[in-house]
Amino acid sequence: MERHFRVTAKCLLFPLAQIGLPVSAQAGFFEDGKANVELRNFYINRDFSQTNTSQSKHEEWAQGFLLRYASGFTTGSVGFGLDAIALAGLKLDSSLGRAGSGLLPRQRDGRSVDESGSLGLTAKVRASKSLLRIGTLHPRLPVAHFNDTRLLPQTFEGVHLNSQELASLIFDAGQIRQVTQRDSTDREDLRPAVASAKAIRVSKGATTDKFNFAGVGYKWSPQLSANYFYGELDRFYRQHSFSLLHLLPLGDGQSLKSDLRYASSTNQGDSNIDNTALGAMLTYSLGGHAFGLGFQKMSGDTGYAYIHGSNAFLPNFVANNDFANRDEQSWQVRYDFNFAAAGIPGLTFMTRYIYGSEIELGAGRPIGSEWERDMDITYVFQSGVLKNLGLMWRNSSLRTNHFGSDLDDNRLIISYTLPLL
């Protein structure tokens, strides 16, 4: 297996050799290369029987394979490298009446495919403390955050520059051109997330192949950091995002974390987007316990705007919902416990409840409301032959009033990561 990856890496590096890089400069590319494979077994059951929908249930079971390779860099003041990710999904159980869970791509007749796969390559260039990545991206930014909540992750195609040349200051900039959704192998153009209660309208069939972003983050102290990001989904919206994160140590294993977020989104021609989002999450930690209280408020003519299929940078973006509808305000209470404090490392528990109200559904319609309850139990083996084997059960329920679909959701996920290089 190791020989296979080194041969593959040499083949991928061949273009660099053709532009005049000596063999000695390529040594770090191979020697510092790393590879692993993640096996992800995913069962999901989403029951819509509480509401009158055309399909009462999504229920599927699938096996995923995620093979990742990250090269080192060629030597010299400017280093070159290459990353690769190969994704494959295998259907274990599904049917026409239960498909559509987001685990697997679907055929024209609505059935899930038996198997699927894709390959992503990322060229990278490093100079000093700056890194330029071109190709397949997995951004984790306030204005663009990839989604990895199903069998295989969402991927983007584009360019991303990350620079940390100045002490305590991080700069990001780039452009995203296309996206491959979690349950697809096709690259497609970008569009905003749209839901009826958000009141977001876009021109019929309109998409774009351009999302520009830039931002700076500054660490004022070990306990306080702030960032500003600008995102522009060409033809649809412009967004300014601010966040402030502070950790206050209280002594004796206690702390208070404050996470404050603000975003303003305006339309850019092919949409009516007009939204201001304010969010806050306070978390008090004591030993293995963590108690959280969150608040989120939408205002403007529409709900919150973000790229379709991606994660929203909101404190109340949770398992099944974003609580980001027009004029919606929502509260979250959350409790976490890390059983390492009780002598069981690797075992964690989380539960939360979010209630949203004041949702503007349009003239002549009543004000909407909704709530969601989530619970996660996770265990990761810490040693022995099963080390790195993770087990997770997620149970959640969503209820809406005057709009949307109710659902009960159960997910069982078994994951195992095996280092190869």
Protein backbone atom coordinates (compact mmCIF):
# COMPACT_ATOMS: atom_id res chain seq x y z
CA MET A 1 0.00 0.00 0.00
CA GLU A 2 2.80 2.44 0.89
CA ARG A 3 4.56 1.71 -2.41
CA HIS A 4 1.30 2.36 -4.28
CA PHE A 5 0.89 5.83 -2.73
CA ARG A 6 4.50 6.79 -3.42
CA VAL A 7 4.15 5.75 -7.06
CA THR A 8 0.89 7.73 -7.34
CA ALA A 9 2.49 10.79 -5.77
CA LYS A 10 5.40 10.63 -8.22
CA CYS A 11 3.01 10.53 -11.13
CA LEU A 12 1.12 13.54 -9.80
CA LEU A 13 4.37 15.44 -9.27
CA PHE A 14 5.58 14.81 -12.82
CA PRO A 15 4.44 18.25 -14.10
CA LEU A 16 6.59 19.93 -11.45
CA ALA A 17 9.65 18.09 -12.72
CA GLN A 18 8.88 19.25 -16.23
CA ILE A 19 9.09 22.92 -15.24
CA GLY A 20 12.66 22.52 -14.06
CA LEU A 21 12.52 21.54 -10.38
CA PRO A 22 15.53 19.37 -9.49
CA VAL A 23 14.94 15.93 -7.98
CA SER A 24 16.58 17.06 -4.73
CA ALA A 25 13.93 19.77 -4.33
CA GLN A 26 11.17 17.14 -4.57
CA ALA A 27 12.38 15.08 -1.58
CA GLY A 28 10.13 16.76 0.99
CA PHE A 29 7.12 16.16 -1.24
CA PHE A 30 7.42 12.39 -0.76
CA GLU A 31 9.03 12.12 2.66
CA ASP A 32 6.44 14.28 4.41
CA GLY A 33 3.46 12.74 2.63
CA LYS A 34 0.60 11.37 4.75
CA ALA A 35 -2.36 9.19 3.85
CA ASN A 36 -5.29 7.59 5.65
CA VAL A 37 -8.55 5.89 4.84
CA GLU A 38 -11.76 6.50 6.77
CA LEU A 39 -14.50 3.86 6.75
CA ARG A 40 -17.91 5.36 7.52
CA ASN A 41 -20.97 3.14 7.99
CA PHE A 42 -24.13 5.27 8.11
CA TYR A 43 -27.76 4.33 8.86
CA ILE A 44 -30.42 7.04 8.80
CA ASN A 45 -34.16 6.94 9.46
CA ARG A 46 -36.17 10.14 8.95
CA ASP A 47 -39.87 9.67 9.73
CA PHE A 48 -42.29 12.29 8.32
CA SER A 49 -45.48 10.50 9.40
CA GLN A 50 -46.43 13.42 11.68
CA THR A 51 -47.29 15.50 8.59
CA ASN A 52 -49.12 14.94 5.33
CA THR A 53 -46.21 14.43 2.91
CA SER A 54 -45.94 12.46 -0.32
CA GLN A 55 -43.17 10.34 1.21
CA SER A 56 -43.60 9.26 4.83
CA LYS A 57 -40.02 8.13 5.45
CA HIS A 58 -36.38 8.33 4.40
CA GLU A 59 -34.56 5.20 5.48
CA GLU A 60 -31.21 4.12 4.05
CA TRP A 61 -28.02 2.33 5.04
CA ALA A 62 -24.71 2.80 3.25
CA GLN A 63 -20.96 2.30 3.53
CA GLY A 64 -18.56 5.13 2.73
CA PHE A 65 -14.85 5.13 1.97
CA LEU A 66 -12.78 8.32 2.26
CA LEU A 67 -9.18 8.02 1.08
CA ARG A 68 -7.05 11.10 1.77
CA TYR A 69 -3.49 11.82 0.65
CA ALA A 70 -1.56 14.97 1.59
CA SER A 71 1.92 15.42 0.18
CA GLY A 72 4.70 17.40 1.77
CA PHE A 73 6.27 20.34 -0.03
CA THR A 74 9.22 20.58 -2.35
CA THR A 75 12.22 22.28 -0.75
CA GLY A 76 13.14 25.90 -1.38
CA SER A 77 11.71 29.32 -0.57
CA VAL A 78 8.58 28.36 -2.51
CA GLY A 79 7.30 24.82 -1.93
CA PHE A 80 4.88 22.91 -4.14
CA GLY A 81 2.62 20.03 -3.12
CA LEU A 82 -0.50 18.09 -4.03
CA ASP A 83 -3.42 16.69 -2.03
CA ALA A 84 -5.94 14.12 -3.17
CA ILE A 85 -9.24 12.82 -1.82
CA ALA A 86 -11.09 9.80 -3.24
CA LEU A 87 -14.69 9.25 -2.13
CA ALA A 88 -16.83 6.17 -2.64
CA GLY A 89 -20.29 5.18 -1.43
CA LEU A 90 -21.91 1.75 -1.46
CA LYS A 91 -25.64 1.17 -0.95
CA LEU A 92 -26.45 -1.47 1.66
CA ASP A 93 -30.20 -0.97 2.01
CA SER A 94 -32.72 1.35 0.34
CA SER A 95 -35.85 1.36 -1.81
CA LEU A 96 -37.80 3.74 -4.02
CA GLY A 97 -40.19 4.66 -1.21
CA ARG A 98 -37.37 5.30 1.30
CA ALA A 99 -34.70 7.04 -0.82
CA GLY A 100 -33.72 10.71 -0.60
CA SER A 101 -32.03 10.74 2.81
CA GLY A 102 -28.96 12.52 1.46
CA LEU A 103 -26.68 9.49 1.82
CA LEU A 104 -26.48 8.50 -1.85
CA PRO A 105 -27.03 10.02 -5.30
CA ARG A 106 -30.38 9.25 -6.91
CA GLN A 107 -31.25 7.96 -10.38
CA ARG A 108 -33.85 9.54 -12.64
CA ASP A 109 -36.51 7.16 -11.33
CA GLY A 110 -35.84 8.34 -7.76
CA ARG A 111 -33.98 5.25 -6.58
CA SER A 112 -30.57 5.55 -4.93
CA VAL A 113 -27.61 4.33 -6.97
CA ASP A 114 -25.88 1.10 -5.94
CA GLU A 115 -22.46 2.73 -5.82
CA SER A 116 -20.85 6.09 -6.50
CA GLY A 117 -17.42 7.68 -6.38
CA SER A 118 -15.43 10.83 -7.07
CA LEU A 119 -11.88 12.13 -6.96
CA GLY A 120 -10.65 15.57 -5.93
CA LEU A 121 -7.16 17.02 -6.43
CA THR A 122 -5.70 20.12 -4.82
CA ALA A 123 -2.45 21.78 -5.87
CA LYS A 124 -0.80 23.77 -3.09
CA VAL A 125 1.96 26.36 -2.95
CA ARG A 126 3.66 27.45 0.26
CA ALA A 127 5.82 30.54 0.71
CA SER A 128 6.90 31.64 4.18
CA LYS A 129 3.68 31.49 6.28
CA SER A 130 1.27 31.70 3.34
CA LEU A 131 -0.49 28.75 1.69
CA LEU A 132 -2.31 28.84 -1.65
CA ARG A 133 -4.64 25.94 -2.49
CA ILE A 134 -6.14 25.42 -5.96
CA GLY A 135 -8.66 22.69 -6.78
CA THR A 136 -10.83 20.73 -4.35
CA LEU A 137 -11.52 22.68 -1.15
CA HIS A 138 -13.15 22.00 2.22
CA PRO A 139 -13.50 25.57 3.59
CA ARG A 140 -14.33 26.23 7.23
CA LEU A 141 -15.11 29.94 7.04
CA PRO A 142 -18.00 32.05 8.36
CA VAL A 143 -19.19 32.82 4.81
CA ALA A 144 -18.51 29.35 3.32
CA HIS A 145 -18.41 26.17 5.40
CA PHE A 146 -18.52 22.71 3.81
CA ASN A 147 -21.12 20.20 5.02
CA ASP A 148 -20.00 16.81 6.34
CA THR A 149 -23.14 15.48 8.03
CA ARG A 150 -23.85 12.51 5.75
CA LEU A 151 -21.96 9.55 4.30
CA LEU A 152 -19.54 11.66 2.24
CA PRO A 153 -18.60 15.34 2.57
CA GLN A 154 -19.60 18.22 0.35
CA THR A 155 -16.65 19.54 -1.70
CA PHE A 156 -15.99 22.84 -3.45
CA GLU A 157 -13.76 23.72 -6.40
CA GLY A 158 -11.82 26.95 -6.38
CA VAL A 159 -8.81 28.78 -4.97
CA HIS A 160 -8.06 29.68 -1.33
CA LEU A 161 -5.18 31.74 0.06
CA ASN A 162 -4.44 31.56 3.80
CA SER A 163 -1.73 33.86 5.15
CA GLN A 164 -0.33 34.20 8.67
CA GLU A 165 2.63 36.45 7.92
CA LEU A 166 1.79 38.89 10.71
CA ALA A 167 1.73 37.85 14.35
CA SER A 168 -1.80 37.17 15.66
CA LEU A 169 -3.33 38.08 12.27
CA ILE A 170 -4.82 35.54 9.82
CA PHE A 171 -5.88 36.56 6.32
CA ASP A 172 -8.07 34.48 3.97
CA ALA A 173 -9.17 35.22 0.42
CA GLY A 174 -10.29 33.26 -2.60
CA GLN A 175 -12.98 32.24 -5.03
CA ILE A 176 -15.25 29.20 -5.18
CA ARG A 177 -16.45 28.17 -8.64
CA GLN A 178 -18.44 24.93 -8.22
CA VAL A 179 -19.77 22.50 -5.63
CA THR A 180 -20.34 18.75 -5.38
CA GLN A 181 -23.13 18.07 -2.90
CA ARG A 182 -23.04 15.33 -0.24
CA ASP A 183 -25.35 13.06 -2.23
CA SER A 184 -23.96 13.72 -5.70
CA THR A 185 -20.90 13.07 -7.86
CA ASP A 186 -21.63 15.96 -10.24
CA ARG A 187 -20.00 19.36 -10.02
CA GLU A 188 -22.57 22.10 -10.30
CA ASP A 189 -22.80 25.87 -10.15
CA LEU A 190 -23.73 27.71 -6.97
CA ARG A 191 -27.02 29.11 -5.69
CA PRO A 192 -28.44 30.32 -2.37
CA ALA A 193 -30.28 28.07 0.07
CA VAL A 194 -34.01 28.68 -0.39
CA ALA A 195 -36.92 27.64 1.82
CA SER A 196 -40.51 28.89 1.74
CA ALA A 197 -40.41 30.39 5.24
CA LYS A 198 -37.22 32.31 4.41
CA ALA A 199 -39.14 34.27 1.73
CA ILE A 200 -35.98 34.24 -0.43
CA ARG A 201 -36.76 34.44 -4.15
CA VAL A 202 -34.26 33.99 -6.98
CA SER A 203 -34.62 34.23 -10.74
CA LYS A 204 -35.87 30.92 -12.15
CA GLY A 205 -32.98 28.59 -12.96
CA ALA A 206 -30.38 31.18 -12.00
CA THR A 207 -26.99 29.92 -10.78
CA THR A 208 -23.46 31.30 -10.66
CA ASP A 209 -19.91 29.99 -10.89
CA LYS A 210 -18.41 32.70 -8.73
CA PHE A 211 -18.33 33.12 -4.95
CA ASN A 212 -15.66 35.59 -3.82
CA PHE A 213 -14.56 35.82 -0.20
CA ALA A 214 -12.00 37.60 1.96
CA GLY A 215 -11.53 37.99 5.67
CA VAL A 216 -9.21 38.73 8.55
CA GLY A 217 -8.99 37.21 12.00
CA TYR A 218 -7.08 38.75 14.89
CA LYS A 219 -6.14 37.19 18.22
CA TRP A 220 -6.07 39.99 20.79
CA SER A 221 -5.00 37.63 23.58
CA PRO A 222 -5.04 33.87 24.30
CA GLN A 223 -8.62 34.36 25.51
CA LEU A 224 -10.00 36.85 22.96
CA SER A 225 -10.24 36.66 19.15
CA ALA A 226 -12.30 38.42 16.49
CA ASN A 227 -12.82 38.16 12.73
CA TYR A 228 -14.47 39.90 9.82
CA PHE A 229 -15.40 38.18 6.52
CA TYR A 230 -16.90 39.36 3.27
CA GLY A 231 -18.66 36.94 0.94
CA GLU A 232 -20.22 37.64 -2.45
CA LEU A 233 -22.31 35.08 -4.29
CA ASP A 234 -22.24 36.75 -7.70
CA ARG A 235 -25.67 37.95 -8.87
CA PHE A 236 -27.35 36.84 -5.61
CA TYR A 237 -26.04 38.48 -2.44
CA ARG A 238 -23.25 40.27 -0.60
CA GLN A 239 -22.60 39.42 3.03
CA HIS A 240 -20.59 41.04 5.82
CA SER A 241 -19.92 38.78 8.81
CA PHE A 242 -18.42 39.66 12.20
CA SER A 243 -17.71 37.40 15.16
CA LEU A 244 -16.13 37.71 18.60
CA LEU A 245 -15.00 34.76 20.74
CA HIS A 246 -13.94 35.14 24.37
CA LEU A 247 -12.99 32.53 26.99
CA LEU A 248 -13.04 33.66 30.61
CA PRO A 249 -11.27 31.29 33.04
CA LEU A 250 -13.04 31.18 36.39
CA GLY A 251 -10.65 28.88 38.26
CA ASP A 252 -11.18 25.39 39.70
CA GLY A 253 -11.94 23.84 36.30
CA GLN A 254 -14.54 26.48 35.44
CA SER A 255 -14.82 28.80 32.44
CA LEU A 256 -17.33 30.95 30.55
CA LYS A 257 -17.16 31.07 26.74
CA SER A 258 -18.91 33.86 24.85
CA ASP A 259 -19.50 33.47 21.09
CA LEU A 260 -21.08 36.55 19.42
CA ARG A 261 -21.98 36.70 15.71
CA TYR A 262 -23.45 39.30 13.35
CA ALA A 263 -24.10 39.15 9.61
CA SER A 264 -25.68 41.52 7.11
CA SER A 265 -26.77 40.23 3.68
CA THR A 266 -28.09 42.28 0.73
CA ASN A 267 -29.26 41.28 -2.75
CA GLN A 268 -27.18 41.66 -5.89
CA GLY A 269 -29.69 41.54 -8.72
CA ASP A 270 -31.05 38.00 -9.13
CA SER A 271 -32.60 37.73 -5.68
CA ASN A 272 -34.54 39.70 -3.07
CA ILE A 273 -32.17 38.82 -0.20
CA ASP A 274 -32.27 41.33 2.67
CA ASN A 275 -31.32 39.99 6.09
CA THR A 276 -29.59 40.91 9.32
CA ALA A 277 -28.67 38.01 11.61
CA LEU A 278 -27.63 38.40 15.23
CA GLY A 279 -26.53 35.42 17.31
CA ALA A 280 -24.94 34.66 20.66
CA MET A 281 -23.95 31.51 22.55
CA LEU A 282 -22.79 31.47 26.17
CA THR A 283 -21.29 28.27 27.56
CA TYR A 284 -20.42 27.69 31.21
CA SER A 285 -18.07 24.74 31.79
CA LEU A 286 -17.45 22.98 35.09
CA GLY A 287 -15.28 19.87 35.00
CA GLY A 288 -16.86 17.52 32.45
CA HIS A 289 -20.11 19.50 32.36
CA ALA A 290 -20.99 22.30 29.91
CA PHE A 291 -24.20 24.35 30.05
CA GLY A 292 -25.07 26.49 27.01
CA LEU A 293 -27.61 29.23 26.31
CA GLY A 294 -28.04 30.59 22.79
CA PHE A 295 -30.06 33.33 21.11
CA GLN A 296 -30.55 34.08 17.41
CA LYS A 297 -32.55 36.83 15.74
CA MET A 298 -33.39 37.40 12.05
CA SER A 299 -34.61 40.72 10.69
CA GLY A 300 -35.19 42.16 7.23
CA ASP A 301 -37.33 41.14 4.25
CA THR A 302 -35.93 37.59 4.03
CA GLY A 303 -34.21 34.91 6.07
CA TYR A 304 -30.46 34.29 6.31
CA ALA A 305 -28.49 33.70 3.09
CA TYR A 306 -25.83 31.03 2.53
CA ILE A 307 -24.69 28.68 -0.22
CA HIS A 308 -27.12 25.85 -0.92
CA GLY A 309 -26.06 22.61 0.78
CA SER A 310 -23.42 24.20 3.01
CA ASN A 311 -23.39 24.92 6.74
CA ALA A 312 -24.67 28.26 8.01
CA PHE A 313 -22.52 30.26 10.43
CA LEU A 314 -25.26 30.52 13.04
CA PRO A 315 -25.36 29.35 16.68
CA ASN A 316 -28.75 27.70 16.10
CA PHE A 317 -27.78 25.85 12.91
CA VAL A 318 -28.31 22.29 14.22
CA ALA A 319 -29.01 18.75 13.00
CA ASN A 320 -32.17 19.35 10.94
CA ASN A 321 -32.78 23.08 10.92
CA ASP A 322 -31.17 26.52 10.78
CA PHE A 323 -33.87 28.59 12.57
CA ALA A 324 -33.08 31.34 10.05
CA ASN A 325 -36.49 32.14 8.59
CA ARG A 326 -37.86 35.62 7.99
CA ASP A 327 -38.10 37.59 11.30
CA GLU A 328 -37.51 34.43 13.33
CA GLN A 329 -36.06 34.64 16.81
CA SER A 330 -34.91 31.47 18.55
CA TRP A 331 -33.49 30.30 21.88
CA GLN A 332 -31.27 27.30 22.56
CA VAL A 333 -30.48 25.47 25.78
CA ARG A 334 -27.73 22.87 25.63
CA TYR A 335 -25.99 20.42 27.94
CA ASP A 336 -22.77 18.45 27.27
CA PHE A 337 -20.94 15.93 29.43
CA ASN A 338 -17.50 14.45 28.80
CA PHE A 339 -17.32 11.14 30.63
CA ALA A 340 -13.53 11.44 30.84
CA ALA A 341 -14.27 13.40 34.01
CA ALA A 342 -15.94 10.25 35.36
CA GLY A 343 -13.08 7.97 34.31
CA ILE A 344 -14.46 6.92 30.88
CA PRO A 345 -12.38 8.75 28.24
CA GLY A 346 -13.83 8.70 24.73
CA LEU A 347 -17.49 8.79 25.81
CA THR A 348 -19.42 12.05 25.33
CA PHE A 349 -23.07 13.10 25.58
CA MET A 350 -24.90 16.14 24.18
CA THR A 351 -28.51 17.25 24.26
CA ARG A 352 -30.09 20.55 23.20
CA TYR A 353 -33.48 22.14 22.63
CA ILE A 354 -34.17 25.07 20.30
CA TYR A 355 -37.43 26.99 20.04
CA GLY A 356 -38.10 29.50 17.25
CA SER A 357 -41.03 31.91 16.97
CA GLU A 358 -42.27 35.12 15.28
CA ILE A 359 -41.75 33.63 11.80
CA GLU A 360 -43.28 35.86 9.13
CA LEU A 361 -45.04 33.61 6.59
CA GLY A 362 -46.62 36.30 4.44
CA ALA A 363 -49.82 38.29 4.22
CA GLY A 364 -52.93 36.47 5.42
CA ARG A 365 -50.99 33.68 7.13
CA PRO A 366 -50.52 33.19 10.88
CA ILE A 367 -47.16 33.68 12.57
CA GLY A 368 -45.11 30.48 12.49
CA SER A 369 -43.09 28.70 15.16
CA GLU A 370 -40.93 25.58 15.41
CA TRP A 371 -38.78 23.57 17.79
CA GLU A 372 -36.07 20.91 17.59
CA ARG A 373 -34.59 18.54 20.14
CA ASP A 374 -31.27 16.75 19.52
CA MET A 375 -29.33 14.14 21.46
CA ASP A 376 -25.90 12.67 20.59
CA ILE A 377 -24.09 9.83 22.32
CA THR A 378 -20.57 9.18 21.00
CA TYR A 379 -17.82 6.78 21.99
CA VAL A 380 -14.35 6.55 20.45
CA PHE A 381 -12.08 3.68 21.50
CA GLN A 382 -8.89 5.10 22.97
CA SER A 383 -6.57 2.09 22.80
CA GLY A 384 -6.22 -1.56 21.82
CA VAL A 385 -7.06 -3.17 18.51
CA LEU A 386 -10.20 -1.00 18.19
CA LYS A 387 -8.38 2.31 18.71
CA ASN A 388 -9.92 5.13 16.59
CA LEU A 389 -13.18 3.20 16.11
CA GLY A 390 -16.04 5.65 16.70
CA LEU A 391 -19.70 4.92 17.42
CA MET A 392 -22.40 7.60 17.41
CA TRP A 393 -26.17 7.59 17.85
CA ARG A 394 -28.06 10.79 17.05
CA ASN A 395 -31.73 11.13 17.88
CA SER A 396 -33.68 14.28 17.04
CA SER A 397 -37.18 15.60 16.52
CA LEU A 398 -38.43 18.67 14.64
CA ARG A 399 -41.90 20.18 14.85
CA THR A 400 -43.28 23.19 12.97
CA ASN A 401 -46.47 25.20 13.29
CA HIS A 402 -48.27 26.50 10.15
CA PHE A 403 -45.45 25.55 7.73
CA GLY A 404 -42.85 22.90 6.90
CA SER A 405 -42.68 19.19 7.72
CA ASP A 406 -42.38 17.51 11.10
CA LEU A 407 -39.86 14.71 11.44
CA ASP A 408 -38.25 12.24 13.82
CA ASP A 409 -34.64 11.44 12.96
CA ASN A 410 -32.34 8.61 14.03
CA ARG A 411 -28.76 8.12 12.80
CA LEU A 412 -26.27 5.40 13.66
CA ILE A 413 -22.72 6.08 12.49
CA ILE A 414 -19.70 3.80 12.81
CA SER A 415 -16.39 5.27 11.69
CA TYR A 416 -12.82 4.03 11.64
CA THR A 417 -9.72 5.85 10.43
CA LEU A 418 -6.69 3.81 9.43
CA PRO A 419 -3.35 5.59 8.84
CA LEU A 420 -1.60 4.39 5.67
CA LEU A 421 1.48 6.65 5.53
